[in-house]
Every structure is written in structure tokens, then in C-alpha cells.
């Protein structure tokens, strides 16, 4: 049974989340102080962390940042801080998803299931391919050849486009900011404009559309960046 660590200092919200998670077949564990999170994870790693931002002891963004230095444990931020900068910081620091309060507990459970499913499906086979990463049906990535296939159609990509697709496909549904994508697809620390990044995304979107007409996979998220999702 998957254990979900609920990091929430409001008892009523924590109890409500735990109730719905338990009903969905998960084993919830509640922590209300930010200073207790990392020791608890080291002692007994959960399958996923539901992380509030406004916590006593240590805030959620700092916790997420520290976790990402040591683990790829799935993290979903749940918070009342809805400002764009908070969304951006949360996603750039490595959160897998972001849910704003007030929320539907059923939506939270659905997001938990989706993030766990994506993490379990991201694996490389012995022949060096990543098939349908995170549930992107029909997408096969060939890391050694720097190319991909979608619905059986070969997609010829530039090295930058390949790294862009590989990054987005590693966590389908996650919103990557432009700066996060720049950091991942370029080895050096060049300072590229948003217009240049948008151009790469536009070219990749066109090639995906050519390979699979009628399927829209690459989406813009206004004010933040891009995500890959059916």
C-alpha cells in the first residue's frame, strides 16, 4: 500500500485529506511542522509527499528544494498562495504538481494517482528506449540516436529539440517554466531570450503535429511555460 505523507499544519484539512486518501486505498501519514518532514522521510520514505507551503518551523518551498537535492520523491504542493511567483518557484524547485486551496479532496486524490502513475511509467528499457513515458501513448524516445517516434512516425529533431522533448516527456503534465527548460536543454549557461525558447517549442510542436495529425500534445501555460500532455 502506498504511503502518502501529508504535510499540513491545519488539522481539519489534514484530516480531510487523510480520510479521502485512505478511502482511495492509500496509507496517509500526517506531519504538521516543517522541521519534522526530512527526518521523517529519511526514517521511512513515503511514496509521495503532499506539501503545504505555509508551515511552522520550515516553509514548504525550502523543504521541496532540500528534498530535490537528495531524492526524486514525488512532491505535490498544496497551498493557498496562488500568486504566479509561488507557482513558478514551486515548479522550478522540482514539485511535480501544484494544487491551490480551496480544492476538492477528490481532485487531490486524482492528482496523487496521476503523479504516482507517471513516476512508475518513466523507465528505460534494455534497448535504450523510453516507451510511452509517463503515459504519453505512442511516444518512443531513442536517447542514443537523439530521435523519437510518435504513433510509429519518425520525428527528426535537432539536439535542442530532442532535449526539449525528453525533458517535457520525463514528467508529462508538469508545467516547466522557460528558465527551467533552458537550464535542462543547454549544457552551458547561455542567456537566451524567451523568444528563442518559444521558437524551439513552436518547431517541436509542428513536428509532433506532423507525425500525429489531430493529436495536440504540447501546450502553452500562460505566464509560466509549457507542458506535454494529451
Protein backbone atom coordinates (compact mmCIF):
# COMPACT_ATOMS: atom_id res chain seq x y z
CA UNK A 1 0.00 0.00 0.00
CA UNK A 2 1.37 3.40 -0.98
CA UNK A 3 2.03 5.73 1.93
CA UNK A 4 1.28 9.41 1.32
CA UNK A 5 2.96 11.93 3.61
CA UNK A 6 0.51 14.79 4.23
CA UNK A 7 2.46 17.85 5.38
CA UNK A 8 -0.24 20.24 6.58
CA UNK A 9 -0.48 22.30 9.78
CA UNK A 10 -4.26 22.84 9.63
CA UNK A 11 -5.72 19.78 11.43
CA UNK A 12 -9.10 19.86 9.69
CA UNK A 13 -7.55 19.99 6.21
CA UNK A 14 -5.01 17.29 7.08
CA UNK A 15 -7.74 15.02 8.47
CA UNK A 16 -9.93 15.58 5.40
CA UNK A 17 -7.10 14.72 3.01
CA UNK A 18 -6.19 11.66 5.06
CA UNK A 19 -9.80 10.48 5.02
CA UNK A 20 -10.09 10.66 1.23
CA UNK A 21 -6.65 9.15 0.67
CA UNK A 22 -7.49 6.25 2.97
CA UNK A 23 -10.78 5.69 1.13
CA UNK A 24 -8.80 5.54 -2.14
CA UNK A 25 -6.56 2.79 -0.82
CA UNK A 26 -3.59 4.85 0.35
CA UNK A 27 -1.97 4.93 3.77
CA UNK A 28 -1.76 8.58 4.88
CA UNK A 29 0.70 9.91 7.47
CA UNK A 30 0.32 13.47 8.77
CA UNK A 31 3.05 15.92 9.80
CA UNK A 32 2.26 19.47 10.90
CA UNK A 33 5.71 21.02 11.38
CA UNK A 34 8.15 21.67 8.55
CA UNK A 35 11.16 20.76 10.67
CA UNK A 36 9.87 17.20 11.09
CA UNK A 37 9.50 16.45 7.37
CA UNK A 38 13.01 15.50 6.27
CA UNK A 39 13.82 13.34 9.33
CA UNK A 40 10.50 11.52 8.84
CA UNK A 41 11.23 10.89 5.16
CA UNK A 42 14.73 9.61 5.90
CA UNK A 43 13.38 7.27 8.55
CA UNK A 44 10.53 5.90 6.42
CA UNK A 45 10.33 7.19 2.82
CA UNK A 46 6.73 7.57 1.59
CA UNK A 47 5.54 7.05 -1.98
CA UNK A 48 4.59 10.72 -2.36
CA UNK A 49 4.51 13.97 -0.37
CA UNK A 50 1.55 16.36 -0.27
CA UNK A 51 3.28 19.54 0.85
CA UNK A 52 1.75 22.74 2.18
CA UNK A 53 3.85 25.91 1.77
CA UNK A 54 2.92 27.88 4.90
CA UNK A 55 4.29 25.70 7.69
CA UNK A 56 5.69 26.35 11.15
CA UNK A 57 9.38 25.63 11.56
CA UNK A 58 10.34 25.46 7.87
CA UNK A 59 8.38 26.55 4.80
CA UNK A 60 7.37 24.19 2.03
CA UNK A 61 9.49 25.76 -0.71
CA UNK A 62 12.66 25.23 1.34
CA UNK A 63 11.59 21.67 2.10
CA UNK A 64 10.96 20.97 -1.60
CA UNK A 65 14.32 22.47 -2.55
CA UNK A 66 16.18 20.35 0.00
CA UNK A 67 14.32 17.19 -0.97
CA UNK A 68 15.25 17.66 -4.62
CA UNK A 69 18.94 17.73 -3.71
CA UNK A 70 18.72 14.23 -2.32
CA UNK A 71 15.75 12.40 -3.86
CA UNK A 72 13.32 12.21 -6.77
CA UNK A 73 10.43 11.53 -4.40
CA UNK A 74 7.18 12.81 -5.97
CA UNK A 75 6.01 16.09 -4.43
CA UNK A 76 2.65 17.83 -4.89
CA UNK A 77 2.39 21.31 -3.41
CA UNK A 78 -0.97 22.16 -1.83
CA UNK A 79 -1.30 25.79 -0.79
CA UNK A 80 -3.40 28.94 -0.54
CA UNK A 81 -0.57 31.01 -2.03
CA UNK A 82 -1.82 31.38 -5.59
CA UNK A 83 0.46 34.16 -6.80
CA UNK A 84 2.29 33.38 -10.04
CA UNK A 85 5.71 33.68 -8.42
CA UNK A 86 4.80 30.95 -5.95
CA UNK A 87 3.61 28.64 -8.73
CA UNK A 88 6.78 29.34 -10.66
CA UNK A 89 9.05 28.76 -7.67
CA UNK A 90 7.26 25.60 -6.70
CA UNK A 91 7.55 24.08 -10.16
CA UNK A 92 11.14 25.22 -10.75
CA UNK A 93 12.22 23.75 -7.43
CA UNK A 94 11.02 20.37 -8.62
CA UNK A 95 7.43 19.97 -7.48
CA UNK A 96 5.56 17.50 -9.69
CA UNK A 97 2.24 19.30 -9.41
CA UNK A 98 0.62 22.30 -7.75
CA UNK A 99 -2.89 22.47 -6.25
CA UNK A 100 -4.42 25.67 -4.90
CA UNK A 101 -6.74 25.96 -1.93
CA UNK A 102 -9.69 25.71 -1.75
CA UNK A 103 -9.60 22.37 -3.51
CA UNK A 104 -11.70 19.27 -3.97
CA UNK A 105 -10.28 16.34 -1.96
CA UNK A 106 -11.27 14.07 -4.86
CA UNK A 107 -9.15 16.20 -7.20
CA UNK A 108 -6.19 15.86 -4.84
CA UNK A 109 -6.58 12.07 -4.84
CA UNK A 110 -6.78 12.07 -8.64
CA UNK A 111 -3.61 14.17 -8.86
CA UNK A 112 -1.83 11.83 -6.45
CA UNK A 113 -2.74 8.83 -8.59
CA UNK A 114 -1.65 10.62 -11.77
CA UNK A 115 1.74 11.67 -10.38
CA UNK A 116 2.44 8.19 -9.00
CA UNK A 117 1.45 6.67 -12.33
CA UNK A 118 3.79 8.99 -14.23
CA UNK A 119 6.73 8.23 -11.95
CA UNK A 120 6.25 4.50 -12.30
CA UNK A 121 5.99 4.56 -16.07
CA UNK A 122 9.16 6.57 -16.63
CA UNK A 123 11.72 3.81 -17.19
CA UNK A 124 14.30 2.93 -19.79
CA UNK A 125 14.22 -0.49 -21.41
CA UNK A 126 17.34 -2.53 -22.13
CA UNK A 127 17.46 -1.38 -25.77
CA UNK A 128 17.86 2.24 -24.69
CA UNK A 129 14.36 3.48 -25.44
CA UNK A 130 11.78 5.14 -23.27
CA UNK A 131 8.37 3.92 -24.43
CA UNK A 132 5.27 5.95 -23.65
CA UNK A 133 6.97 7.87 -20.81
CA UNK A 134 4.51 8.82 -18.13
CA UNK A 135 1.57 7.66 -20.21
CA UNK A 136 2.15 9.64 -23.43
CA UNK A 137 0.66 6.99 -25.68
CA UNK A 138 2.61 6.15 -28.82
CA UNK A 139 5.68 8.22 -27.93
CA UNK A 140 9.00 6.37 -28.07
CA UNK A 141 12.28 8.16 -27.34
CA UNK A 142 15.67 6.88 -28.52
CA UNK A 143 18.26 8.67 -26.34
CA UNK A 144 21.30 7.25 -28.10
CA UNK A 145 20.05 8.24 -31.55
CA UNK A 146 18.64 11.63 -30.47
CA UNK A 147 15.35 10.92 -32.19
CA UNK A 148 11.80 9.93 -31.36
CA UNK A 149 8.73 8.26 -32.84
CA UNK A 150 5.10 9.16 -32.34
CA UNK A 151 2.40 6.71 -33.38
CA UNK A 152 5.03 4.89 -35.44
CA UNK A 153 6.12 8.00 -37.37
CA UNK A 154 9.76 9.01 -37.07
CA UNK A 155 10.45 12.53 -35.80
CA UNK A 156 13.77 14.03 -36.83
CA UNK A 157 14.85 16.52 -34.19
CA UNK A 158 17.68 18.94 -33.66
CA UNK A 159 19.72 18.27 -30.46
CA UNK A 160 17.96 21.15 -28.70
CA UNK A 161 14.52 19.93 -29.79
CA UNK A 162 15.35 16.41 -28.65
CA UNK A 163 16.45 17.56 -25.18
CA UNK A 164 13.34 19.73 -25.00
CA UNK A 165 11.06 16.78 -25.82
CA UNK A 166 12.95 14.45 -23.49
CA UNK A 167 12.62 16.93 -20.63
CA UNK A 168 8.91 17.54 -21.15
CA UNK A 169 8.21 13.82 -21.62
CA UNK A 170 10.04 12.93 -18.41
CA UNK A 171 7.12 14.34 -16.42
CA UNK A 172 4.00 14.63 -18.59
CA UNK A 173 1.50 17.07 -17.16
CA UNK A 174 4.13 19.02 -15.25
CA UNK A 175 4.48 22.67 -16.24
CA UNK A 176 8.09 23.61 -16.98
CA UNK A 177 8.94 27.31 -16.96
CA UNK A 178 11.09 28.69 -19.77
CA UNK A 179 14.04 29.18 -17.43
CA UNK A 180 13.76 25.61 -16.14
CA UNK A 181 13.78 24.31 -19.72
CA UNK A 182 16.79 26.48 -20.58
CA UNK A 183 18.71 25.04 -17.64
CA UNK A 184 17.96 21.49 -18.76
CA UNK A 185 18.48 21.65 -22.51
CA UNK A 186 21.68 23.69 -22.64
CA UNK A 187 24.95 22.47 -21.19
CA UNK A 188 26.44 25.96 -20.94
CA UNK A 189 24.96 28.95 -19.13
CA UNK A 190 23.99 31.00 -22.16
CA UNK A 191 21.43 33.72 -21.66
CA UNK A 192 18.67 33.02 -24.16
CA UNK A 193 15.59 35.14 -24.68
CA UNK A 194 12.09 33.83 -24.14
CA UNK A 195 11.53 34.38 -27.86
CA UNK A 196 14.30 31.88 -28.69
CA UNK A 197 12.81 29.28 -26.35
CA UNK A 198 9.34 29.89 -27.82
CA UNK A 199 10.79 29.30 -31.28
CA UNK A 200 12.20 25.90 -30.25
CA UNK A 201 8.85 24.95 -28.73
CA UNK A 202 6.99 26.07 -31.84
CA UNK A 203 9.22 23.92 -34.07
CA UNK A 204 8.80 20.90 -31.79
CA UNK A 205 5.03 21.37 -31.69
CA UNK A 206 4.92 21.46 -35.50
CA UNK A 207 6.95 18.26 -35.80
CA UNK A 208 4.74 16.45 -33.29
CA UNK A 209 1.65 17.60 -35.19
CA UNK A 210 3.14 16.42 -38.50
CA UNK A 211 3.86 12.98 -37.01
CA UNK A 212 0.42 12.59 -35.43
CA UNK A 213 -2.21 14.82 -37.06
CA UNK A 214 -5.14 15.50 -34.78
CA UNK A 215 -3.21 14.95 -31.56
CA UNK A 216 -2.34 18.04 -29.52
CA UNK A 217 0.42 17.20 -27.05
CA UNK A 218 2.48 20.32 -26.41
CA UNK A 219 0.60 23.04 -24.53
CA UNK A 220 1.44 26.60 -23.50
CA UNK A 221 0.56 27.63 -19.95
CA UNK A 222 0.07 31.38 -19.94
CA UNK A 223 2.57 33.26 -17.82
CA UNK A 224 4.52 30.17 -16.80
CA UNK A 225 5.78 27.88 -19.57
CA UNK A 226 4.92 24.58 -21.25
CA UNK A 227 3.69 21.08 -20.55
CA UNK A 228 3.46 17.84 -22.53
CA UNK A 229 0.11 16.10 -22.13
CA UNK A 230 -2.61 14.54 -24.28
